[in-house]
Amino acid sequence: MVLGANGGVGSTLVQLARHAGITVIGTASARHHDTVRELGATPVDYRDPDVYRRIRELAPHGVDAVFDHVGGAGLKESWRLLRRRGVLVSYGTAATKDEDGNSRLPVLKLFAWLTLWNILPNGRAAHFYNFWAGKRRRPDAFRARLREDLTQVLTLLADGVLTAQVAAEFPLDDAAAALALAESRTVAGKVVIVP
């Protein structure tokens, strides 16, 4: 299960999973369902109030993994989608970006839930993936991990296994328009700013 399967990260996750022979369900708005299908995933409308019921219909015994960049209240639903030995990978808190107050509080709540879920004897696991982890404390290990990960992904891109999902390109002078488009939630893929 990939939340935001039409986005830049989500579309890459879908392609990596499909390359590994994994069946994928991906959330996206209805206007992006064709894009999600072209990537090889079964689309589900994240705006549907019964989105999690629909996912359970597609995977009645649960899913093996959920990749969740949304966080917030929906994180618990992502956890409930997992079958035994399933893994939740949280890599963001997009649902909480506009909340008033301390911006760190939603992240601390997220870590508390992930820790609790890992402590409980439930046969499932929950992790937070941070692209920048270790950059300050272990810079050599960070660079080695980054080099290894990016080499694998870029090799798959160069070999045509992965296709970069670029929604639009803007010159640097139009960075404000690029950011407005990226925040509009109307595009499939990434908005790229070029010099």
C-alpha atoms as a PDB file:
ATOM      1  CA  MET A   1       0.000   0.000   0.000  1.00  0.00           C
ATOM      2  CA  VAL A   2       1.490   3.312  -1.094  1.00  0.00           C
ATOM      3  CA  LEU A   3      -0.186   6.516   0.016  1.00  0.00           C
ATOM      4  CA  GLY A   4       0.203   9.265  -2.582  1.00  0.00           C
ATOM      5  CA  ALA A   5       1.079   6.824  -5.351  1.00  0.00           C
ATOM      6  CA  ASN A   6       0.967   9.569  -7.986  1.00  0.00           C
ATOM      7  CA  GLY A   7       3.567  11.794  -6.323  1.00  0.00           C
ATOM      8  CA  GLY A   8       7.303  11.812  -6.913  1.00  0.00           C
ATOM      9  CA  VAL A   9       8.233   9.527  -3.999  1.00  0.00           C
ATOM     10  CA  GLY A  10       5.034   7.472  -4.167  1.00  0.00           C
ATOM     11  CA  SER A  11       5.385   6.774  -7.882  1.00  0.00           C
ATOM     12  CA  THR A  12       8.972   5.644  -7.330  1.00  0.00           C
ATOM     13  CA  LEU A  13       7.882   3.327  -4.508  1.00  0.00           C
ATOM     14  CA  VAL A  14       5.183   1.840  -6.755  1.00  0.00           C
ATOM     15  CA  GLN A  15       7.688   1.238  -9.558  1.00  0.00           C
ATOM     16  CA  LEU A  16      10.237  -0.327  -7.196  1.00  0.00           C
ATOM     17  CA  ALA A  17       7.585  -2.645  -5.753  1.00  0.00           C
ATOM     18  CA  ARG A  18       6.291  -3.627  -9.197  1.00  0.00           C
ATOM     19  CA  HIS A  19       9.867  -4.277 -10.348  1.00  0.00           C
ATOM     20  CA  ALA A  20      10.161  -6.702  -7.413  1.00  0.00           C
ATOM     21  CA  GLY A  21       6.935  -8.442  -8.486  1.00  0.00           C
ATOM     22  CA  ILE A  22       4.811  -7.036  -5.661  1.00  0.00           C
ATOM     23  CA  THR A  23       1.115  -6.234  -6.080  1.00  0.00           C
ATOM     24  CA  VAL A  24       0.495  -2.592  -5.151  1.00  0.00           C
ATOM     25  CA  ILE A  25      -2.539  -0.596  -4.053  1.00  0.00           C
ATOM     26  CA  GLY A  26      -1.980   3.152  -4.303  1.00  0.00           C
ATOM     27  CA  THR A  27      -3.975   6.116  -3.085  1.00  0.00           C
ATOM     28  CA  ALA A  28      -4.450   9.160  -5.286  1.00  0.00           C
ATOM     29  CA  SER A  29      -7.207  11.571  -6.217  1.00  0.00           C
ATOM     30  CA  ALA A  30      -9.572  10.274  -8.885  1.00  0.00           C
ATOM     31  CA  ARG A  31      -7.997  12.505 -11.557  1.00  0.00           C
ATOM     32  CA  HIS A  32      -4.692  10.628 -11.118  1.00  0.00           C
ATOM     33  CA  HIS A  33      -6.045   7.083 -11.194  1.00  0.00           C
ATOM     34  CA  ASP A  34      -4.967   6.536 -14.818  1.00  0.00           C
ATOM     35  CA  THR A  35      -1.413   7.518 -13.870  1.00  0.00           C
ATOM     36  CA  VAL A  36      -1.438   5.084 -10.942  1.00  0.00           C
ATOM     37  CA  ARG A  37      -2.761   2.297 -13.188  1.00  0.00           C
ATOM     38  CA  GLU A  38      -0.027   3.030 -15.769  1.00  0.00           C
ATOM     39  CA  LEU A  39       2.528   2.583 -12.979  1.00  0.00           C
ATOM     40  CA  GLY A  40       1.042  -0.853 -12.317  1.00  0.00           C
ATOM     41  CA  ALA A  41      -0.913  -0.221  -9.114  1.00  0.00           C
ATOM     42  CA  THR A  42      -4.593  -0.470  -8.260  1.00  0.00           C
ATOM     43  CA  PRO A  43      -5.792   3.071  -7.459  1.00  0.00           C
ATOM     44  CA  VAL A  44      -8.017   4.028  -4.539  1.00  0.00           C
ATOM     45  CA  ASP A  45      -9.366   7.563  -4.073  1.00  0.00           C
ATOM     46  CA  TYR A  46      -7.900   8.988  -0.877  1.00  0.00           C
ATOM     47  CA  ARG A  47     -10.755  11.511  -0.731  1.00  0.00           C
ATOM     48  CA  ASP A  48     -13.349   8.737  -0.445  1.00  0.00           C
ATOM     49  CA  PRO A  49     -14.633   8.725   3.154  1.00  0.00           C
ATOM     50  CA  ASP A  50     -14.538   4.907   2.996  1.00  0.00           C
ATOM     51  CA  VAL A  51     -10.990   4.728   1.621  1.00  0.00           C
ATOM     52  CA  TYR A  52      -9.763   2.257   4.260  1.00  0.00           C
ATOM     53  CA  ARG A  53     -12.824   0.034   3.831  1.00  0.00           C
ATOM     54  CA  ARG A  54     -12.121   0.000   0.074  1.00  0.00           C
ATOM     55  CA  ILE A  55      -8.502  -0.998   0.691  1.00  0.00           C
ATOM     56  CA  ARG A  56      -9.660  -3.794   3.011  1.00  0.00           C
ATOM     57  CA  GLU A  57     -11.952  -5.031   0.217  1.00  0.00           C
ATOM     58  CA  LEU A  58      -8.923  -5.220  -2.098  1.00  0.00           C
ATOM     59  CA  ALA A  59      -6.751  -6.872   0.581  1.00  0.00           C
ATOM     60  CA  PRO A  60      -9.141  -8.662   2.956  1.00  0.00           C
ATOM     61  CA  HIS A  61      -6.302 -10.355   4.862  1.00  0.00           C
ATOM     62  CA  GLY A  62      -4.330  -7.132   5.195  1.00  0.00           C
ATOM     63  CA  VAL A  63      -1.275  -5.823   3.375  1.00  0.00           C
ATOM     64  CA  ASP A  64       2.378  -6.689   3.855  1.00  0.00           C
ATOM     65  CA  ALA A  65       3.549  -3.070   3.943  1.00  0.00           C
ATOM     66  CA  VAL A  66       2.197   0.460   4.073  1.00  0.00           C
ATOM     67  CA  PHE A  67       4.291   3.459   2.993  1.00  0.00           C
ATOM     68  CA  ASP A  68       2.709   6.484   4.680  1.00  0.00           C
ATOM     69  CA  HIS A  69       3.944  10.050   4.196  1.00  0.00           C
ATOM     70  CA  VAL A  70       0.681  11.556   5.465  1.00  0.00           C
ATOM     71  CA  GLY A  71       0.827  10.756   9.180  1.00  0.00           C
ATOM     72  CA  GLY A  72      -1.704  12.408  11.447  1.00  0.00           C
ATOM     73  CA  ALA A  73      -4.919  10.619  12.384  1.00  0.00           C
ATOM     74  CA  GLY A  74      -4.744   8.340   9.325  1.00  0.00           C
ATOM     75  CA  LEU A  75      -1.550   6.710  10.585  1.00  0.00           C
ATOM     76  CA  LYS A  76      -3.580   4.470  12.897  1.00  0.00           C
ATOM     77  CA  GLU A  77      -5.655   3.337   9.921  1.00  0.00           C
ATOM     78  CA  SER A  78      -2.464   2.572   8.008  1.00  0.00           C
ATOM     79  CA  TRP A  79      -1.324   0.441  10.954  1.00  0.00           C
ATOM     80  CA  ARG A  80      -4.653  -1.422  11.016  1.00  0.00           C
ATOM     81  CA  LEU A  81      -4.236  -2.364   7.331  1.00  0.00           C
ATOM     82  CA  LEU A  82      -1.217  -4.554   8.099  1.00  0.00           C
ATOM     83  CA  ARG A  83      -1.388  -8.315   8.231  1.00  0.00           C
ATOM     84  CA  ARG A  84       0.756 -10.281  10.671  1.00  0.00           C
ATOM     85  CA  ARG A  85       4.470  -9.666   9.967  1.00  0.00           C
ATOM     86  CA  GLY A  86       3.502  -6.538   8.054  1.00  0.00           C
ATOM     87  CA  VAL A  87       5.559  -3.353   8.207  1.00  0.00           C
ATOM     88  CA  LEU A  88       4.472   0.280   8.388  1.00  0.00           C
ATOM     89  CA  VAL A  89       7.020   2.716   6.983  1.00  0.00           C
ATOM     90  CA  SER A  90       6.208   6.280   7.938  1.00  0.00           C
ATOM     91  CA  TYR A  91       8.253   8.923   6.186  1.00  0.00           C
ATOM     92  CA  GLY A  92       6.407  12.160   6.800  1.00  0.00           C
ATOM     93  CA  THR A  93       3.631  14.049   8.507  1.00  0.00           C
ATOM     94  CA  ALA A  94       1.997  15.925   5.626  1.00  0.00           C
ATOM     95  CA  ALA A  95      -1.416  15.882   7.336  1.00  0.00           C
ATOM     96  CA  THR A  96      -0.078  18.013  10.174  1.00  0.00           C
ATOM     97  CA  LYS A  97       1.877  20.622   8.202  1.00  0.00           C
ATOM     98  CA  ASP A  98      -0.788  23.308   8.626  1.00  0.00           C
ATOM     99  CA  GLU A  99      -1.587  22.646  12.297  1.00  0.00           C
ATOM    100  CA  ASP A 100      -1.164  25.526  14.694  1.00  0.00           C
ATOM    101  CA  GLY A 101       1.385  25.281  17.469  1.00  0.00           C
ATOM    102  CA  ASN A 102       4.733  23.601  17.768  1.00  0.00           C
ATOM    103  CA  SER A 103       5.622  21.864  14.495  1.00  0.00           C
ATOM    104  CA  ARG A 104       7.608  19.229  16.389  1.00  0.00           C
ATOM    105  CA  LEU A 105       4.622  17.994  18.414  1.00  0.00           C
ATOM    106  CA  PRO A 106       3.072  15.937  15.554  1.00  0.00           C
ATOM    107  CA  VAL A 107       6.451  14.310  14.913  1.00  0.00           C
ATOM    108  CA  LEU A 108       6.872  13.463  18.602  1.00  0.00           C
ATOM    109  CA  LYS A 109       3.369  11.942  18.628  1.00  0.00           C
ATOM    110  CA  LEU A 110       4.296   9.940  15.537  1.00  0.00           C
ATOM    111  CA  PHE A 111       7.430   8.556  17.207  1.00  0.00           C
ATOM    112  CA  ALA A 112       5.418   7.692  20.339  1.00  0.00           C
ATOM    113  CA  TRP A 113       2.916   5.667  18.279  1.00  0.00           C
ATOM    114  CA  LEU A 114       5.653   3.900  16.305  1.00  0.00           C
ATOM    115  CA  THR A 115       7.492   3.003  19.519  1.00  0.00           C
ATOM    116  CA  LEU A 116       4.324   1.707  21.180  1.00  0.00           C
ATOM    117  CA  TRP A 117       3.400  -0.407  18.165  1.00  0.00           C
ATOM    118  CA  ASN A 118       6.864  -1.963  18.104  1.00  0.00           C
ATOM    119  CA  ILE A 119       6.749  -2.782  21.826  1.00  0.00           C
ATOM    120  CA  LEU A 120       3.371  -4.520  21.651  1.00  0.00           C
ATOM    121  CA  PRO A 121       3.459  -8.263  20.847  1.00  0.00           C
ATOM    122  CA  ASN A 122       1.381  -7.946  17.675  1.00  0.00           C
ATOM    123  CA  GLY A 123       3.625  -9.496  15.040  1.00  0.00           C
ATOM    124  CA  ARG A 124       3.928  -6.254  13.079  1.00  0.00           C
ATOM    125  CA  ALA A 125       6.583  -3.541  12.856  1.00  0.00           C
ATOM    126  CA  ALA A 126       6.579   0.226  12.424  1.00  0.00           C
ATOM    127  CA  HIS A 127       9.502   2.381  11.304  1.00  0.00           C
ATOM    128  CA  PHE A 128      10.225   5.996  10.454  1.00  0.00           C
ATOM    129  CA  TYR A 129      12.407   6.567   7.411  1.00  0.00           C
ATOM    130  CA  ASN A 130      14.392   9.780   7.462  1.00  0.00           C
ATOM    131  CA  PHE A 131      16.392  10.459   4.322  1.00  0.00           C
ATOM    132  CA  TRP A 132      18.729  12.764   6.269  1.00  0.00           C
ATOM    133  CA  ALA A 133      19.282  10.444   9.270  1.00  0.00           C
ATOM    134  CA  GLY A 134      22.868  10.420  10.468  1.00  0.00           C
ATOM    135  CA  LYS A 135      24.034  13.419   8.443  1.00  0.00           C
ATOM    136  CA  ARG A 136      25.281  15.340  11.500  1.00  0.00           C
ATOM    137  CA  ARG A 137      26.330  12.577  13.876  1.00  0.00           C
ATOM    138  CA  ARG A 138      27.728  10.016  11.420  1.00  0.00           C
ATOM    139  CA  PRO A 139      28.504  11.897   8.204  1.00  0.00           C
ATOM    140  CA  ASP A 140      30.685   9.144   6.683  1.00  0.00           C
ATOM    141  CA  ALA A 141      28.024   6.469   7.240  1.00  0.00           C
ATOM    142  CA  PHE A 142      25.357   8.881   5.952  1.00  0.00           C
ATOM    143  CA  ARG A 143      27.295   9.543   2.742  1.00  0.00           C
ATOM    144  CA  ALA A 144      27.968   5.813   2.223  1.00  0.00           C
ATOM    145  CA  ARG A 145      24.267   4.931   2.684  1.00  0.00           C
ATOM    146  CA  LEU A 146      23.192   7.788   0.428  1.00  0.00           C
ATOM    147  CA  ARG A 147      25.712   6.782  -2.251  1.00  0.00           C
ATOM    148  CA  GLU A 148      24.561   3.146  -2.141  1.00  0.00           C
ATOM    149  CA  ASP A 149      20.825   3.969  -2.188  1.00  0.00           C
ATOM    150  CA  LEU A 150      21.051   6.594  -4.916  1.00  0.00           C
ATOM    151  CA  THR A 151      23.332   4.419  -7.038  1.00  0.00           C
ATOM    152  CA  GLN A 152      20.734   1.636  -6.989  1.00  0.00           C
ATOM    153  CA  VAL A 153      17.828   3.952  -7.822  1.00  0.00           C
ATOM    154  CA  LEU A 154      19.708   5.915 -10.493  1.00  0.00           C
ATOM    155  CA  THR A 155      20.927   2.674 -12.105  1.00  0.00           C
ATOM    156  CA  LEU A 156      17.311   1.484 -12.349  1.00  0.00           C
ATOM    157  CA  LEU A 157      16.399   4.868 -13.827  1.00  0.00           C
ATOM    158  CA  ALA A 158      19.217   4.689 -16.369  1.00  0.00           C
ATOM    159  CA  ASP A 159      18.235   1.114 -17.281  1.00  0.00           C
ATOM    160  CA  GLY A 160      14.643   2.222 -17.938  1.00  0.00           C
ATOM    161  CA  VAL A 161      13.201   0.180 -15.053  1.00  0.00           C
ATOM    162  CA  LEU A 162      12.095   3.388 -13.327  1.00  0.00           C
ATOM    163  CA  THR A 163      10.606   6.435 -15.009  1.00  0.00           C
ATOM    164  CA  ALA A 164      10.897   9.810 -13.309  1.00  0.00           C
ATOM    165  CA  GLN A 165       7.456  11.332 -12.897  1.00  0.00           C
ATOM    166  CA  VAL A 166       8.024  15.003 -13.773  1.00  0.00           C
ATOM    167  CA  ALA A 167       4.845  17.060 -13.760  1.00  0.00           C
ATOM    168  CA  ALA A 168       6.418  20.329 -14.919  1.00  0.00           C
ATOM    169  CA  GLU A 169       9.713  22.182 -15.241  1.00  0.00           C
ATOM    170  CA  PHE A 170      10.164  25.849 -14.337  1.00  0.00           C
ATOM    171  CA  PRO A 171      13.149  28.164 -14.685  1.00  0.00           C
ATOM    172  CA  LEU A 172      14.612  29.407 -11.412  1.00  0.00           C
ATOM    173  CA  ASP A 173      13.104  32.860 -12.089  1.00  0.00           C
ATOM    174  CA  ASP A 174       9.629  31.274 -11.812  1.00  0.00           C
ATOM    175  CA  ALA A 175      10.304  29.453  -8.531  1.00  0.00           C
ATOM    176  CA  ALA A 176       7.228  31.015  -6.908  1.00  0.00           C
ATOM    177  CA  ALA A 177       4.959  29.635  -9.655  1.00  0.00           C
ATOM    178  CA  ALA A 178       6.666  26.240  -9.384  1.00  0.00           C
ATOM    179  CA  LEU A 179       6.064  26.116  -5.640  1.00  0.00           C
ATOM    180  CA  ALA A 180       2.444  27.194  -6.080  1.00  0.00           C
ATOM    181  CA  LEU A 181       1.889  24.390  -8.578  1.00  0.00           C
ATOM    182  CA  ALA A 182       3.638  21.837  -6.350  1.00  0.00           C
ATOM    183  CA  GLU A 183       1.410  22.832  -3.405  1.00  0.00           C
ATOM    184  CA  SER A 184      -1.770  22.794  -5.512  1.00  0.00           C
ATOM    185  CA  ARG A 185      -2.212  18.996  -5.191  1.00  0.00           C
ATOM    186  CA  THR A 186      -3.197  18.900  -8.868  1.00  0.00           C
ATOM    187  CA  VAL A 187      -0.081  17.345 -10.416  1.00  0.00           C
ATOM    188  CA  ALA A 188       1.176  13.806 -10.814  1.00  0.00           C
ATOM    189  CA  GLY A 189       4.904  13.633 -10.098  1.00  0.00           C
ATOM    190  CA  LYS A 190       7.371  16.301  -9.107  1.00  0.00           C
ATOM    191  CA  VAL A 191       7.672  19.928 -10.118  1.00  0.00           C
ATOM    192  CA  VAL A 192      11.288  20.602 -11.120  1.00  0.00           C
ATOM    193  CA  ILE A 193      13.088  23.955 -10.934  1.00  0.00           C
ATOM    194  CA  VAL A 194      16.001  24.245 -13.375  1.00  0.00           C
ATOM    195  CA  PRO A 195      18.743  26.906 -13.457  1.00  0.00           C
END
